[in-house]
C-alpha atoms as a PDB file:
ATOM      1  CA  UNK A   1     -76.329  93.301  77.792  1.00  0.00           C
ATOM      2  CA  UNK A   2     -76.063  96.744  79.316  1.00  0.00           C
ATOM      3  CA  UNK A   3     -78.359  98.152  81.966  1.00  0.00           C
ATOM      4  CA  UNK A   4     -79.981 100.478  79.417  1.00  0.00           C
ATOM      5  CA  UNK A   5     -80.663  97.623  77.008  1.00  0.00           C
ATOM      6  CA  UNK A   6     -82.149  95.570  79.813  1.00  0.00           C
ATOM      7  CA  UNK A   7     -84.318  98.526  80.867  1.00  0.00           C
ATOM      8  CA  UNK A   8     -85.499  99.043  77.256  1.00  0.00           C
ATOM      9  CA  UNK A   9     -86.302  95.357  76.987  1.00  0.00           C
ATOM     10  CA  UNK A  10     -88.236  95.443  80.260  1.00  0.00           C
ATOM     11  CA  UNK A  11     -90.057  98.615  79.119  1.00  0.00           C
ATOM     12  CA  UNK A  12     -90.873  96.959  75.792  1.00  0.00           C
ATOM     13  CA  UNK A  13     -92.229  93.850  77.552  1.00  0.00           C
ATOM     14  CA  UNK A  14     -94.267  95.963  79.972  1.00  0.00           C
ATOM     15  CA  UNK A  15     -95.696  98.067  77.116  1.00  0.00           C
ATOM     16  CA  UNK A  16     -96.498  94.931  75.153  1.00  0.00           C
ATOM     17  CA  UNK A  17     -98.254  93.415  78.143  1.00  0.00           C
ATOM     18  CA  UNK A  18    -100.116  96.670  78.798  1.00  0.00           C
ATOM     19  CA  UNK A  19    -101.155  96.794  75.132  1.00  0.00           C
ATOM     20  CA  UNK A  20    -102.278  93.160  75.337  1.00  0.00           C
ATOM     21  CA  UNK A  21    -104.306  93.882  78.466  1.00  0.00           C
ATOM     22  CA  UNK A  22    -105.904  96.925  76.797  1.00  0.00           C
ATOM     23  CA  UNK A  23    -106.699  94.883  73.659  1.00  0.00           C
ATOM     24  CA  UNK A  24    -108.149  92.125  75.846  1.00  0.00           C
ATOM     25  CA  UNK A  25    -110.321  94.637  77.732  1.00  0.00           C
ATOM     26  CA  UNK A  26    -111.495  96.227  74.472  1.00  0.00           C
ATOM     27  CA  UNK A  27    -112.264  92.804  73.077  1.00  0.00           C
ATOM     28  CA  UNK A  28    -114.231  91.889  76.232  1.00  0.00           C
ATOM     29  CA  UNK A  29    -116.152  95.190  76.048  1.00  0.00           C
ATOM     30  CA  UNK A  30    -117.049  94.585  72.431  1.00  0.00           C
ATOM     31  CA  UNK A  31    -118.043  91.022  73.251  1.00  0.00           C
ATOM     32  CA  UNK A  32    -120.269  92.207  76.088  1.00  0.00           C
ATOM     33  CA  UNK A  33    -121.865  94.795  73.793  1.00  0.00           C
ATOM     34  CA  UNK A  34    -122.526  92.099  71.207  1.00  0.00           C
ATOM     35  CA  UNK A  35    -123.997  89.843  73.859  1.00  0.00           C
ATOM     36  CA  UNK A  36    -126.271  92.673  75.022  1.00  0.00           C
ATOM     37  CA  UNK A  37    -127.420  93.313  71.436  1.00  0.00           C
ATOM     38  CA  UNK A  38    -128.017  89.595  70.904  1.00  0.00           C
ATOM     39  CA  UNK A  39    -129.939  89.348  74.162  1.00  0.00           C
ATOM     40  CA  UNK A  40    -132.078  92.357  73.175  1.00  0.00           C
ATOM     41  CA  UNK A  41    -132.709  90.824  69.761  1.00  0.00           C
ATOM     42  CA  UNK A  42    -133.442  87.479  71.345  1.00  0.00           C
ATOM     43  CA  UNK A  43    -135.856  89.069  73.824  1.00  0.00           C
ATOM     44  CA  UNK A  44    -137.511  90.993  71.000  1.00  0.00           C
ATOM     45  CA  UNK A  45    -137.860  87.782  68.957  1.00  0.00           C
ATOM     46  CA  UNK A  46    -139.210  85.963  72.008  1.00  0.00           C
ATOM     47  CA  UNK A  47    -141.876  88.642  72.495  1.00  0.00           C
ATOM     48  CA  UNK A  48    -142.761  88.500  68.799  1.00  0.00           C
ATOM     49  CA  UNK A  49    -142.981  84.707  68.971  1.00  0.00           C
ATOM     50  CA  UNK A  50    -145.294  84.952  71.991  1.00  0.00           C
ATOM     51  CA  UNK A  51    -147.491  87.417  70.092  1.00  0.00           C
ATOM     52  CA  UNK A  52    -147.544  85.094  67.085  1.00  0.00           C
ATOM     53  CA  UNK A  53    -148.401  82.114  69.290  1.00  0.00           C
ATOM     54  CA  UNK A  54    -151.279  84.067  70.828  1.00  0.00           C
ATOM     55  CA  UNK A  55    -152.525  85.124  67.385  1.00  0.00           C
ATOM     56  CA  UNK A  56    -152.279  81.575  66.048  1.00  0.00           C
ATOM     57  CA  UNK A  57    -154.165  80.336  69.121  1.00  0.00           C
ATOM     58  CA  UNK A  58    -156.913  82.891  68.464  1.00  0.00           C
ATOM     59  CA  UNK A  59    -157.107  81.887  64.789  1.00  0.00           C
ATOM     60  CA  UNK A  60    -157.291  78.193  65.692  1.00  0.00           C
ATOM     61  CA  UNK A  61    -159.997  78.915  68.264  1.00  0.00           C
ATOM     62  CA  UNK A  62    -161.979  80.955  65.727  1.00  0.00           C
ATOM     63  CA  UNK A  63    -161.592  78.177  63.149  1.00  0.00           C
ATOM     64  CA  UNK A  64    -162.900  75.624  65.656  1.00  0.00           C
ATOM     65  CA  UNK A  65    -165.878  77.819  66.461  1.00  0.00           C
ATOM     66  CA  UNK A  66    -166.607  78.362  62.775  1.00  0.00           C
ATOM     67  CA  UNK A  67    -166.355  74.641  62.107  1.00  0.00           C
ATOM     68  CA  UNK A  68    -168.764  73.899  64.954  1.00  0.00           C
ATOM     69  CA  UNK A  69    -171.206  76.555  63.758  1.00  0.00           C
ATOM     70  CA  UNK A  70    -170.877  75.339  60.179  1.00  0.00           C
ATOM     71  CA  UNK A  71    -171.681  71.759  61.196  1.00  0.00           C
ATOM     72  CA  UNK A  72    -174.714  72.897  63.185  1.00  0.00           C
ATOM     73  CA  UNK A  73    -175.846  75.009  60.236  1.00  0.00           C
ATOM     74  CA  UNK A  74    -175.441  72.049  57.862  1.00  0.00           C
ATOM     75  CA  UNK A  75    -177.526  69.865  60.209  1.00  0.00           C
ATOM     76  CA  UNK A  76    -180.273  72.510  60.261  1.00  0.00           C
ATOM     77  CA  UNK A  77    -180.177  72.739  56.457  1.00  0.00           C
ATOM     78  CA  UNK A  78    -180.483  68.949  56.152  1.00  0.00           C
ATOM     79  CA  UNK A  79    -183.449  68.931  58.552  1.00  0.00           C
ATOM     80  CA  UNK A  80    -185.129  71.705  56.568  1.00  0.00           C
ATOM     81  CA  UNK A  81    -184.491  69.856  53.299  1.00  0.00           C
ATOM     82  CA  UNK A  82    -186.043  66.692  54.751  1.00  0.00           C
ATOM     83  CA  UNK A  83    -188.989  68.691  56.051  1.00  0.00           C
ATOM     84  CA  UNK A  84    -189.398  70.334  52.653  1.00  0.00           C
ATOM     85  CA  UNK A  85    -189.348  66.928  50.941  1.00  0.00           C
ATOM     86  CA  UNK A  86    -192.011  65.645  53.335  1.00  0.00           C
ATOM     87  CA  UNK A  87    -194.099  68.765  52.716  1.00  0.00           C
ATOM     88  CA  UNK A  88    -193.715  68.383  48.954  1.00  0.00           C
ATOM     89  CA  UNK A  89    -194.791  64.723  49.152  1.00  0.00           C
ATOM     90  CA  UNK A  90    -197.810  65.675  51.248  1.00  0.00           C
ATOM     91  CA  UNK A  91    -198.705  68.442  48.823  1.00  0.00           C
ATOM     92  CA  UNK A  92    -198.362  66.049  45.860  1.00  0.00           C
ATOM     93  CA  UNK A  93    -200.564  63.532  47.704  1.00  0.00           C
ATOM     94  CA  UNK A  94    -203.193  66.185  48.386  1.00  0.00           C
ATOM     95  CA  UNK A  95    -203.152  67.260  44.722  1.00  0.00           C
ATOM     96  CA  UNK A  96    -203.770  63.652  43.727  1.00  0.00           C
ATOM     97  CA  UNK A  97    -206.661  63.463  46.190  1.00  0.00           C
ATOM     98  CA  UNK A  98    -208.111  66.737  44.877  1.00  0.00           C
ATOM     99  CA  UNK A  99    -207.873  65.417  41.291  1.00  0.00           C
ATOM    100  CA  UNK A 100    -209.628  62.217  42.306  1.00  0.00           C
ATOM    101  CA  UNK A 101    -212.307  64.178  44.156  1.00  0.00           C
ATOM    102  CA  UNK A 102    -212.760  66.484  41.157  1.00  0.00           C
ATOM    103  CA  UNK A 103    -213.262  63.475  38.896  1.00  0.00           C
ATOM    104  CA  UNK A 104    -215.696  61.925  41.389  1.00  0.00           C
ATOM    105  CA  UNK A 105    -217.611  65.194  41.641  1.00  0.00           C
ATOM    106  CA  UNK A 106    -217.782  65.431  37.853  1.00  0.00           C
ATOM    107  CA  UNK A 107    -219.118  61.848  37.621  1.00  0.00           C
ATOM    108  CA  UNK A 108    -221.616  62.504  40.390  1.00  0.00           C
ATOM    109  CA  UNK A 109    -222.797  65.644  38.602  1.00  0.00           C
ATOM    110  CA  UNK A 110    -223.216  63.718  35.318  1.00  0.00           C
ATOM    111  CA  UNK A 111    -225.148  60.958  37.071  1.00  0.00           C
ATOM    112  CA  UNK A 112    -227.400  63.500  38.790  1.00  0.00           C
ATOM    113  CA  UNK A 113    -227.986  65.189  35.452  1.00  0.00           C
ATOM    114  CA  UNK A 114    -228.779  61.816  33.897  1.00  0.00           C
ATOM    115  CA  UNK A 115    -231.137  60.916  36.735  1.00  0.00           C
ATOM    116  CA  UNK A 116    -232.929  64.252  36.422  1.00  0.00           C
ATOM    117  CA  UNK A 117    -233.359  63.707  32.682  1.00  0.00           C
ATOM    118  CA  UNK A 118    -234.687  60.193  33.215  1.00  0.00           C
ATOM    119  CA  UNK A 119    -237.258  61.202  35.788  1.00  0.00           C
END
């Protein structure tokens, strides 16, 4: 092999190595850019997940409060229904008493009329 051939071979090897180093650096740059994009996306998704968690927590809290209020409201309704039933029974009882008293008053009036006629 002549000196020129050896020099061309060395130049070729050096260029190939330089090209490989450049390709490696480009590849690393692209990889770093991808990692940065992924990290940004990941951070964005993390923030969105935190927002969603907070919203879900608020919804769950509101649902608990509504459930508690609903139960209390149902208890009040049941108490009112019981009170209404008691009131209705009392009213029915008083109507019966008034009917009885009306009949007694009518009998008493007839007896008084009869006594007045007889005397």
